[in-house]
Amino acid sequence: MTELQSEAQANNRRALWQIFTAAFVVRVLYILLAHTFKVRPSDDHFEFGWEMGRIGRSLATGHGYSDPFTGHTGPTAWVPPGYTLLVGGVFRIFGVYSKLSAFVLLTFNSLLSALTAVFCYEIGLRCFNRRVALWSGWLWALYPAALQYAVRWIWEMTATTCIFTALLVLMLRMRGIGDKERSEPTWQQWAAFGLLWGILAMVNPSPLIMLPVTALYILFAPQWQTKRLAHAALAGVLFLAVIAPWTARNYAVFHRFIPLRDNFGAENYYGNSDWSTGFPWGRTVPLENHQILAEYARMGEPAWAADRAAKANAWIKAHPARFMRLSIKRAWMYWMGVPKSVEEAGVLEYFRLMSFQFLSLCGILGAVLAVWRKKPAAWVFLSAFLLLPLPYYLVTVQARFRHTLEPLICILGVYLFQSAELRNETVDDN
């Protein structure tokens, strides 16, 4: 290794440490100064983790993985256990719905969000250049929209985003993108690939739609080699090993195959029924409706969700045109922002929506430009833009659902502007 290469590596390590430290400190300071650890106690603290908070309370108080809404309604598979077990463990140590528990969970979110800034830097460096890497890392570290879910929401978005971005970094390393010399992916890397996808499935299964894309990108890089199949099989076995205990638990409890979660039917019914407007204003299971809660408890969660799924499917079949209109509206809101209800809207709402729309546009244009210029992994990034939103177009949409894509939006948006700036500099030089 030359002296110049050693200096470049030292500069990268220094930049990564500075970005991570700044990102983490900014987030923790916000939690402390804005008092976001003081969660509103309305609806018996339901906003403290929502369903995950309820299940966490049940775990901490000895009632098992159950009761996601109000009262003792029985076992649940409404959400997978990855983040929920963390909530239950924190409640057990620091108190159920306590301020200290909120601070610990939000600080953990902040740690993961700060790590995401580091991953943004590495993706930018490997696929583009150091300038894109620096701007991407610092933008994620300091831009308010990038930290909002880490410091305010006790939910899985920050963990999902961090793990998914880490998987993209691992994918690039296994392809040798950005390395001086490309080497064959090791079995340790394939093992990490399978384990990380399994962990992500236990936190939020939605991004699994990208698993085949990332796996194929590695398998066929730069050309097909049959010996990679054995390592890929190892990754698959480890992935299944991670999710198998949870799937076995669900079968033992509910006597039916529920690999990850069982709430899709309820979400589909909420998003596609006579009263659906496309806007996510309301709750899948209204806490104040004792009749629905009693029905949910009496039927048991899987049967109740399956009943809702059948009703939603029947409605979609009977109203294809309206379903298409709702899906188009949801697709628009995924990228252009979900407006708040009339009661919540204010002057700042317009600026929030403009910022949301601007970032989406920059990310999309940056992805198209990267594909056009044949940048490394550009097709994988564009596939993420095309595939990750699909379930939300069809069922329901909220602004937080875009968060998994936001590191890529950040990197590709920076690449778009950096490319325009370089082109202007070239024109000026001429």
Protein backbone atom coordinates (compact mmCIF):
# COMPACT_ATOMS: atom_id res chain seq x y z
CA MET A 1 0.00 0.00 0.00
CA THR A 2 1.41 3.38 -1.00
CA GLU A 3 1.70 6.35 1.32
CA LEU A 4 -1.01 8.14 -0.67
CA GLN A 5 -3.43 5.21 -0.25
CA SER A 6 -2.72 5.06 3.49
CA GLU A 7 -3.46 8.77 3.81
CA ALA A 8 -6.72 8.37 1.89
CA GLN A 9 -7.83 5.55 4.20
CA ALA A 10 -6.95 7.62 7.26
CA ASN A 11 -8.99 10.54 5.88
CA ASN A 12 -11.97 8.24 5.28
CA ARG A 13 -11.80 6.81 8.81
CA ARG A 14 -11.58 10.34 10.24
CA ALA A 15 -14.55 11.49 8.18
CA LEU A 16 -16.63 8.47 9.21
CA TRP A 17 -15.92 9.03 12.88
CA GLN A 18 -16.74 12.75 12.64
CA ILE A 19 -20.01 12.08 10.78
CA PHE A 20 -21.09 9.37 13.21
CA THR A 21 -20.25 11.43 16.30
CA ALA A 22 -21.99 14.55 15.02
CA ALA A 23 -25.08 12.58 13.98
CA PHE A 24 -25.39 10.82 17.32
CA VAL A 25 -24.76 13.93 19.44
CA VAL A 26 -27.25 16.02 17.45
CA ARG A 27 -29.96 13.41 17.88
CA VAL A 28 -29.45 12.89 21.61
CA LEU A 29 -29.34 16.64 22.19
CA TYR A 30 -32.63 16.99 20.32
CA ILE A 31 -34.24 14.29 22.48
CA LEU A 32 -33.10 16.12 25.62
CA LEU A 33 -33.88 19.69 24.52
CA ALA A 34 -37.21 18.94 22.83
CA HIS A 35 -38.25 16.54 25.64
CA THR A 36 -39.38 13.93 23.12
CA PHE A 37 -38.91 11.30 25.83
CA LYS A 38 -42.06 12.73 27.44
CA VAL A 39 -44.61 10.76 25.44
CA ARG A 40 -48.24 11.86 25.62
CA PRO A 41 -50.20 9.56 27.97
CA SER A 42 -53.45 9.69 25.94
CA ASP A 43 -55.24 6.38 25.22
CA ASP A 44 -53.31 4.74 28.05
CA HIS A 45 -49.94 5.69 26.50
CA PHE A 46 -50.81 4.16 23.12
CA GLU A 47 -48.51 6.63 21.31
CA PHE A 48 -45.63 5.14 23.31
CA GLY A 49 -44.79 2.51 20.72
CA TRP A 50 -48.38 1.88 19.62
CA GLU A 51 -48.89 -1.89 19.09
CA MET A 52 -45.22 -2.58 19.83
CA GLY A 53 -45.51 -0.68 23.10
CA ARG A 54 -48.60 -2.63 24.07
CA ILE A 55 -46.93 -5.97 23.34
CA GLY A 56 -43.80 -4.77 25.11
CA ARG A 57 -45.90 -4.01 28.19
CA SER A 58 -47.46 -7.47 27.99
CA LEU A 59 -44.01 -9.04 27.82
CA ALA A 60 -42.68 -6.97 30.70
CA THR A 61 -45.66 -7.79 32.92
CA GLY A 62 -45.57 -11.53 32.30
CA HIS A 63 -48.46 -11.92 29.83
CA GLY A 64 -46.34 -13.06 26.92
CA TYR A 65 -46.35 -11.88 23.32
CA SER A 66 -49.95 -10.66 23.29
CA ASP A 67 -52.42 -7.77 23.73
CA PRO A 68 -51.46 -5.30 20.95
CA PHE A 69 -54.41 -2.96 21.52
CA THR A 70 -56.65 -2.57 24.58
CA GLY A 71 -57.15 -5.11 27.33
CA HIS A 72 -56.13 -8.76 27.36
CA THR A 73 -57.08 -9.91 23.87
CA GLY A 74 -54.78 -12.91 23.60
CA PRO A 75 -51.69 -13.93 21.63
CA THR A 76 -50.62 -11.88 18.64
CA ALA A 77 -48.48 -11.96 15.53
CA TRP A 78 -49.55 -8.46 14.49
CA VAL A 79 -45.93 -7.32 14.29
CA PRO A 80 -42.73 -9.41 14.14
CA PRO A 81 -40.70 -9.56 17.34
CA GLY A 82 -37.41 -7.92 16.35
CA TYR A 83 -38.02 -4.42 17.69
CA THR A 84 -40.88 -5.41 20.01
CA LEU A 85 -38.66 -7.65 22.15
CA LEU A 86 -36.31 -4.69 22.58
CA VAL A 87 -39.23 -2.58 23.82
CA GLY A 88 -40.28 -5.33 26.24
CA GLY A 89 -36.73 -5.70 27.56
CA VAL A 90 -36.34 -1.96 28.10
CA PHE A 91 -39.71 -1.83 29.88
CA ARG A 92 -38.65 -4.68 32.12
CA ILE A 93 -35.45 -2.88 33.16
CA PHE A 94 -36.41 0.79 33.11
CA GLY A 95 -40.16 0.74 33.67
CA VAL A 96 -43.31 0.34 31.59
CA TYR A 97 -44.08 3.53 29.66
CA SER A 98 -41.56 5.46 31.77
CA LYS A 99 -39.63 8.53 30.60
CA LEU A 100 -36.38 6.68 31.15
CA SER A 101 -37.54 3.82 28.90
CA ALA A 102 -38.49 6.34 26.22
CA PHE A 103 -35.08 7.99 26.47
CA VAL A 104 -33.26 4.65 26.21
CA LEU A 105 -35.28 3.55 23.17
CA LEU A 106 -34.93 6.90 21.39
CA THR A 107 -31.20 6.94 22.13
CA PHE A 108 -30.91 3.46 20.64
CA ASN A 109 -32.79 4.73 17.58
CA SER A 110 -30.34 7.63 17.39
CA LEU A 111 -27.40 5.24 17.46
CA LEU A 112 -28.83 3.32 14.51
CA SER A 113 -29.61 6.53 12.63
CA ALA A 114 -26.03 7.74 13.18
CA LEU A 115 -24.75 4.41 11.81
CA THR A 116 -26.94 4.97 8.75
CA ALA A 117 -25.02 8.19 8.08
CA VAL A 118 -21.81 6.11 8.03
CA PHE A 119 -23.39 3.69 5.55
CA CYS A 120 -24.50 6.61 3.36
CA TYR A 121 -20.88 7.75 3.23
CA GLU A 122 -19.63 4.32 2.20
CA ILE A 123 -22.26 3.85 -0.51
CA GLY A 124 -21.47 7.30 -1.91
CA LEU A 125 -17.74 6.57 -1.85
CA ARG A 126 -17.97 3.13 -3.47
CA CYS A 127 -20.49 4.01 -6.18
CA PHE A 128 -19.59 7.64 -6.94
CA ASN A 129 -16.79 9.64 -5.35
CA ARG A 130 -15.59 11.09 -2.06
CA ARG A 131 -17.41 14.36 -2.63
CA VAL A 132 -20.74 12.58 -2.92
CA ALA A 133 -19.80 10.47 0.11
CA LEU A 134 -19.04 13.49 2.30
CA TRP A 135 -22.17 15.40 1.34
CA SER A 136 -24.36 12.31 1.73
CA GLY A 137 -22.95 11.42 5.15
CA TRP A 138 -23.20 14.94 6.52
CA LEU A 139 -26.63 15.53 5.02
CA TRP A 140 -27.99 12.42 6.72
CA ALA A 141 -26.23 13.37 9.93
CA LEU A 142 -27.65 16.90 10.17
CA TYR A 143 -30.75 17.28 7.98
CA PRO A 144 -33.85 17.44 10.23
CA ALA A 145 -35.99 15.17 8.02
CA ALA A 146 -33.40 12.41 8.30
CA LEU A 147 -33.48 12.34 12.09
CA GLN A 148 -37.18 12.91 12.83
CA TYR A 149 -38.14 9.25 13.24
CA ALA A 150 -35.11 8.41 15.36
CA VAL A 151 -35.83 11.13 17.93
CA ARG A 152 -39.64 11.04 18.00
CA TRP A 153 -40.95 7.59 17.08
CA ILE A 154 -40.66 4.48 19.22
CA TRP A 155 -41.18 2.17 16.28
CA GLU A 156 -39.07 0.12 13.87
CA MET A 157 -38.47 2.62 11.00
CA THR A 158 -34.99 3.64 12.13
CA ALA A 159 -33.88 0.04 12.68
CA THR A 160 -35.34 -1.07 9.34
CA THR A 161 -33.58 1.74 7.51
CA CYS A 162 -30.25 1.07 9.21
CA ILE A 163 -30.29 -2.68 8.50
CA PHE A 164 -31.42 -2.26 4.89
CA THR A 165 -28.71 0.33 4.22
CA ALA A 166 -26.13 -1.94 5.89
CA LEU A 167 -27.22 -4.73 3.52
CA LEU A 168 -26.61 -2.45 0.54
CA VAL A 169 -23.12 -1.73 1.86
CA LEU A 170 -22.47 -5.45 2.32
CA MET A 171 -23.73 -6.10 -1.20
CA LEU A 172 -21.28 -3.54 -2.62
CA ARG A 173 -18.40 -5.02 -0.63
CA MET A 174 -19.24 -8.52 -1.87
CA ARG A 175 -19.26 -7.22 -5.44
CA GLY A 176 -15.96 -5.44 -4.85
CA ILE A 177 -17.42 -2.09 -5.91
CA GLY A 178 -14.94 0.65 -5.09
CA ASP A 179 -12.11 -1.76 -4.24
CA LYS A 180 -8.78 -1.62 -6.03
CA GLU A 181 -8.87 -5.36 -6.63
CA ARG A 182 -12.06 -7.39 -6.79
CA SER A 183 -12.09 -10.67 -4.89
CA GLU A 184 -14.61 -13.48 -4.64
CA PRO A 185 -17.21 -12.98 -1.84
CA THR A 186 -16.22 -15.01 1.21
CA TRP A 187 -18.44 -17.47 3.03
CA GLN A 188 -18.33 -15.13 6.04
CA GLN A 189 -19.82 -12.37 3.91
CA TRP A 190 -22.52 -14.70 2.60
CA ALA A 191 -23.28 -15.75 6.18
CA ALA A 192 -23.59 -12.11 7.24
CA PHE A 193 -25.83 -11.51 4.22
CA GLY A 194 -28.24 -14.27 5.26
CA LEU A 195 -28.22 -13.30 8.93
CA LEU A 196 -28.84 -9.60 8.22
CA TRP A 197 -31.77 -10.36 5.93
CA GLY A 198 -33.18 -12.65 8.63
CA ILE A 199 -32.82 -9.94 11.27
CA LEU A 200 -34.48 -7.43 8.94
CA ALA A 201 -37.37 -9.84 8.39
CA MET A 202 -37.82 -10.03 12.16
CA VAL A 203 -37.93 -6.24 12.38
CA ASN A 204 -39.96 -5.43 9.25
CA PRO A 205 -40.63 -7.95 6.46
CA SER A 206 -41.62 -5.37 3.83
CA PRO A 207 -38.09 -4.80 2.42
CA LEU A 208 -37.74 -8.55 1.73
CA ILE A 209 -39.00 -7.74 -1.75
CA MET A 210 -35.43 -6.58 -2.43
CA LEU A 211 -33.74 -9.77 -1.20
CA PRO A 212 -33.75 -11.52 -4.62
CA VAL A 213 -32.47 -8.37 -6.35
CA THR A 214 -29.48 -7.98 -4.04
CA ALA A 215 -28.72 -11.71 -4.06
CA LEU A 216 -28.77 -11.92 -7.86
CA TYR A 217 -26.58 -8.83 -8.12
CA ILE A 218 -23.93 -10.63 -6.07
CA LEU A 219 -24.37 -14.02 -7.72
CA PHE A 220 -23.87 -12.72 -11.25
CA ALA A 221 -20.96 -10.41 -10.45
CA PRO A 222 -19.08 -9.82 -12.63
CA GLN A 223 -20.00 -13.13 -14.24
CA TRP A 224 -21.76 -16.31 -13.17
CA GLN A 225 -19.77 -18.85 -11.17
CA THR A 226 -21.43 -22.08 -10.06
CA LYS A 227 -19.37 -22.34 -6.87
CA ARG A 228 -21.18 -19.30 -5.48
CA LEU A 229 -24.37 -21.34 -5.18
CA ALA A 230 -23.04 -23.22 -2.14
CA HIS A 231 -22.32 -19.95 -0.31
CA ALA A 232 -25.68 -18.53 -1.35
CA ALA A 233 -27.33 -21.69 0.00
CA LEU A 234 -25.55 -21.10 3.30
CA ALA A 235 -27.01 -17.58 3.39
CA GLY A 236 -30.46 -19.01 2.71
CA VAL A 237 -30.15 -21.56 5.51
CA LEU A 238 -29.07 -18.88 7.99
CA PHE A 239 -31.93 -16.64 6.88
CA LEU A 240 -34.42 -19.45 7.54
CA ALA A 241 -32.72 -20.26 10.84
CA VAL A 242 -33.35 -16.70 12.05
CA ILE A 243 -37.06 -16.67 11.22
CA ALA A 244 -37.80 -20.34 12.03
CA PRO A 245 -38.28 -19.98 15.82
CA TRP A 246 -40.83 -17.22 15.34
CA THR A 247 -42.67 -19.16 12.62
CA ALA A 248 -42.71 -22.27 14.84
CA ARG A 249 -44.08 -20.24 17.74
CA ASN A 250 -46.88 -18.91 15.55
CA TYR A 251 -47.80 -22.40 14.39
CA ALA A 252 -47.78 -23.71 17.95
CA VAL A 253 -49.97 -20.85 19.20
CA PHE A 254 -52.35 -20.31 16.25
CA HIS A 255 -52.21 -23.73 14.53
CA ARG A 256 -51.63 -22.13 11.16
CA PHE A 257 -48.65 -21.09 9.06
CA ILE A 258 -47.78 -17.46 9.83
CA PRO A 259 -44.15 -16.98 8.78
CA LEU A 260 -43.73 -13.37 9.90
CA ARG A 261 -46.93 -11.43 10.70
CA ASP A 262 -50.67 -11.70 10.18
CA ASN A 263 -51.96 -8.12 9.98
CA PHE A 264 -52.06 -7.74 6.20
CA GLY A 265 -55.76 -8.57 5.90
CA ALA A 266 -56.69 -5.94 8.47
CA GLU A 267 -54.51 -3.32 6.79
CA ASN A 268 -55.98 -4.21 3.40
CA TYR A 269 -59.52 -3.86 4.75
CA TYR A 270 -58.65 -0.49 6.28
CA GLY A 271 -57.24 0.75 2.96
CA ASN A 272 -59.76 -0.81 0.58
CA SER A 273 -63.37 -0.68 1.68
CA ASP A 274 -66.48 1.49 1.25
CA TRP A 275 -65.22 4.24 3.56
CA SER A 276 -61.61 4.27 2.36
CA THR A 277 -60.39 7.59 1.00
CA GLY A 278 -56.73 6.76 0.43
CA PHE A 279 -55.70 8.97 3.33
CA PRO A 280 -54.32 7.17 6.40
CA TRP A 281 -56.34 9.18 8.88
CA GLY A 282 -57.50 6.71 11.51
CA ARG A 283 -56.52 3.36 12.98
CA THR A 284 -56.71 -0.15 11.66
CA VAL A 285 -58.27 -1.22 14.94
CA PRO A 286 -60.02 1.76 16.58
CA LEU A 287 -59.35 1.61 20.32
CA GLU A 288 -62.57 3.41 21.18
CA ASN A 289 -64.77 0.89 19.31
CA HIS A 290 -65.50 -1.73 21.97
CA GLN A 291 -67.59 -3.80 19.55
CA ILE A 292 -64.69 -4.27 17.11
CA LEU A 293 -62.25 -4.97 19.94
CA ALA A 294 -64.62 -7.57 21.40
CA GLU A 295 -64.99 -9.20 17.98
CA TYR A 296 -61.21 -9.23 17.56
CA ALA A 297 -60.74 -10.87 20.97
CA ARG A 298 -63.55 -13.40 20.46
CA MET A 299 -62.48 -14.57 17.00
CA GLY A 300 -58.75 -14.54 17.70
CA GLU A 301 -56.35 -12.41 15.71
CA PRO A 302 -55.60 -14.71 12.72
CA ALA A 303 -59.28 -15.52 12.09
CA TRP A 304 -60.28 -11.87 12.52
CA ALA A 305 -57.54 -10.70 10.11
CA ALA A 306 -58.49 -13.42 7.60
CA ASP A 307 -62.12 -12.27 7.76
CA ARG A 308 -61.02 -8.70 7.05
CA ALA A 309 -58.82 -9.94 4.18
CA ALA A 310 -61.77 -11.75 2.58
CA LYS A 311 -63.93 -8.62 2.84
CA ALA A 312 -61.18 -6.44 1.37
CA ASN A 313 -60.58 -8.83 -1.52
CA ALA A 314 -64.32 -8.98 -2.26
CA TRP A 315 -64.52 -5.19 -2.24
CA ILE A 316 -61.52 -4.83 -4.58
CA LYS A 317 -63.06 -7.37 -6.98
CA ALA A 318 -66.38 -5.48 -6.94
CA HIS A 319 -64.82 -2.00 -7.26
CA PRO A 320 -61.76 -2.30 -9.55
CA ALA A 321 -61.96 1.28 -10.83
CA ARG A 322 -62.15 2.78 -7.35
CA PHE A 323 -59.35 0.51 -6.16
CA MET A 324 -57.22 1.79 -9.03
CA ARG A 325 -57.98 5.41 -8.10
CA LEU A 326 -57.11 4.77 -4.47
CA SER A 327 -53.86 3.07 -5.47
CA ILE A 328 -52.87 5.99 -7.70
CA LYS A 329 -53.64 8.41 -4.88
CA ARG A 330 -51.53 6.37 -2.47
CA ALA A 331 -48.67 6.22 -4.99
CA TRP A 332 -48.81 10.00 -5.31
CA MET A 333 -48.77 10.47 -1.54
CA TYR A 334 -45.87 8.03 -1.11
CA TRP A 335 -43.64 10.31 -3.14
CA MET A 336 -45.30 13.71 -2.73
CA GLY A 337 -46.23 13.51 0.96
CA VAL A 338 -49.27 12.58 3.01
CA PRO A 339 -51.10 15.79 3.96
CA LYS A 340 -52.25 16.14 7.53
CA SER A 341 -55.91 16.35 8.41
CA VAL A 342 -57.61 19.75 8.48
CA GLU A 343 -57.34 19.91 12.26
CA GLU A 344 -53.55 19.36 12.15
CA ALA A 345 -52.68 21.43 9.07
CA GLY A 346 -50.96 24.80 9.38
CA VAL A 347 -48.61 27.12 7.55
CA LEU A 348 -45.62 24.85 8.22
CA GLU A 349 -47.48 21.99 6.54
CA TYR A 350 -46.87 23.54 3.11
CA PHE A 351 -43.13 23.75 3.73
CA ARG A 352 -43.07 20.15 4.99
CA LEU A 353 -44.80 18.89 1.86
CA MET A 354 -42.55 20.98 -0.41
CA SER A 355 -39.45 19.55 1.27
CA PHE A 356 -40.83 16.00 0.99
CA GLN A 357 -41.61 16.46 -2.71
CA PHE A 358 -38.27 18.10 -3.49
CA LEU A 359 -36.33 15.23 -1.92
CA SER A 360 -38.38 12.62 -3.78
CA LEU A 361 -37.81 14.36 -7.10
CA CYS A 362 -34.07 14.67 -6.49
CA GLY A 363 -33.76 11.03 -5.51
CA ILE A 364 -35.72 9.77 -8.53
CA LEU A 365 -33.79 11.96 -10.99
CA GLY A 366 -30.51 10.94 -9.36
CA ALA A 367 -31.41 7.25 -9.71
CA VAL A 368 -32.30 7.69 -13.39
CA LEU A 369 -29.06 9.61 -14.01
CA ALA A 370 -27.02 6.90 -12.27
CA VAL A 371 -28.58 4.24 -14.49
CA TRP A 372 -28.05 6.38 -17.59
CA ARG A 373 -24.37 6.81 -16.75
CA LYS A 374 -24.02 3.12 -15.82
CA LYS A 375 -22.86 3.76 -12.28
CA PRO A 376 -22.21 0.70 -10.07
CA ALA A 377 -25.35 -0.82 -8.54
CA ALA A 378 -27.52 1.84 -10.18
CA TRP A 379 -30.04 -0.77 -11.32
CA VAL A 380 -30.28 -2.14 -7.78
CA PHE A 381 -31.00 1.35 -6.46
CA LEU A 382 -33.62 1.97 -9.14
CA SER A 383 -35.17 -1.42 -8.34
CA ALA A 384 -35.51 -0.32 -4.72
CA PHE A 385 -37.36 2.81 -5.88
CA LEU A 386 -39.69 0.66 -7.98
CA LEU A 387 -40.26 -2.31 -5.66
CA LEU A 388 -40.21 -1.09 -2.05
CA PRO A 389 -43.25 1.21 -2.41
CA LEU A 390 -45.47 -1.36 -4.18
CA PRO A 391 -47.26 -2.78 -1.08
CA TYR A 392 -48.08 0.72 0.11
CA TYR A 393 -49.55 1.74 -3.24
CA LEU A 394 -52.00 -1.17 -2.97
CA VAL A 395 -52.89 -1.09 0.73
CA THR A 396 -52.08 2.01 2.76
CA VAL A 397 -49.48 4.76 2.87
CA GLN A 398 -47.86 6.98 5.46
CA ALA A 399 -44.91 9.36 5.19
CA ARG A 400 -42.80 7.12 7.42
CA PHE A 401 -43.02 4.25 4.91
CA ARG A 402 -40.61 6.14 2.63
CA HIS A 403 -37.94 6.25 5.33
CA THR A 404 -36.33 2.96 4.25
CA LEU A 405 -35.56 4.57 0.88
CA GLU A 406 -34.40 7.90 2.26
CA PRO A 407 -30.68 7.05 2.55
CA LEU A 408 -30.72 6.26 -1.18
CA ILE A 409 -32.75 9.40 -1.86
CA CYS A 410 -30.10 11.34 0.06
CA ILE A 411 -27.14 9.80 -1.81
CA LEU A 412 -28.69 9.96 -5.27
CA GLY A 413 -29.97 13.50 -4.70
CA VAL A 414 -26.44 14.58 -3.78
CA TYR A 415 -25.11 12.77 -6.85
CA LEU A 416 -27.63 14.63 -9.05
CA PHE A 417 -26.54 18.07 -7.83
CA GLN A 418 -22.86 17.15 -7.75
CA SER A 419 -23.10 16.00 -11.38
CA ALA A 420 -24.80 19.24 -12.40
CA GLU A 421 -22.13 21.28 -10.60
CA LEU A 422 -19.29 19.35 -12.27
CA ARG A 423 -20.92 19.88 -15.67
CA ASN A 424 -21.21 23.63 -15.05
CA GLU A 425 -17.57 23.77 -14.01
CA THR A 426 -16.61 22.00 -17.25
CA VAL A 427 -18.62 24.48 -19.31
CA ASP A 428 -17.04 27.42 -17.49
CA ASP A 429 -13.54 26.01 -18.10
CA ASN A 430 -14.23 25.84 -21.81
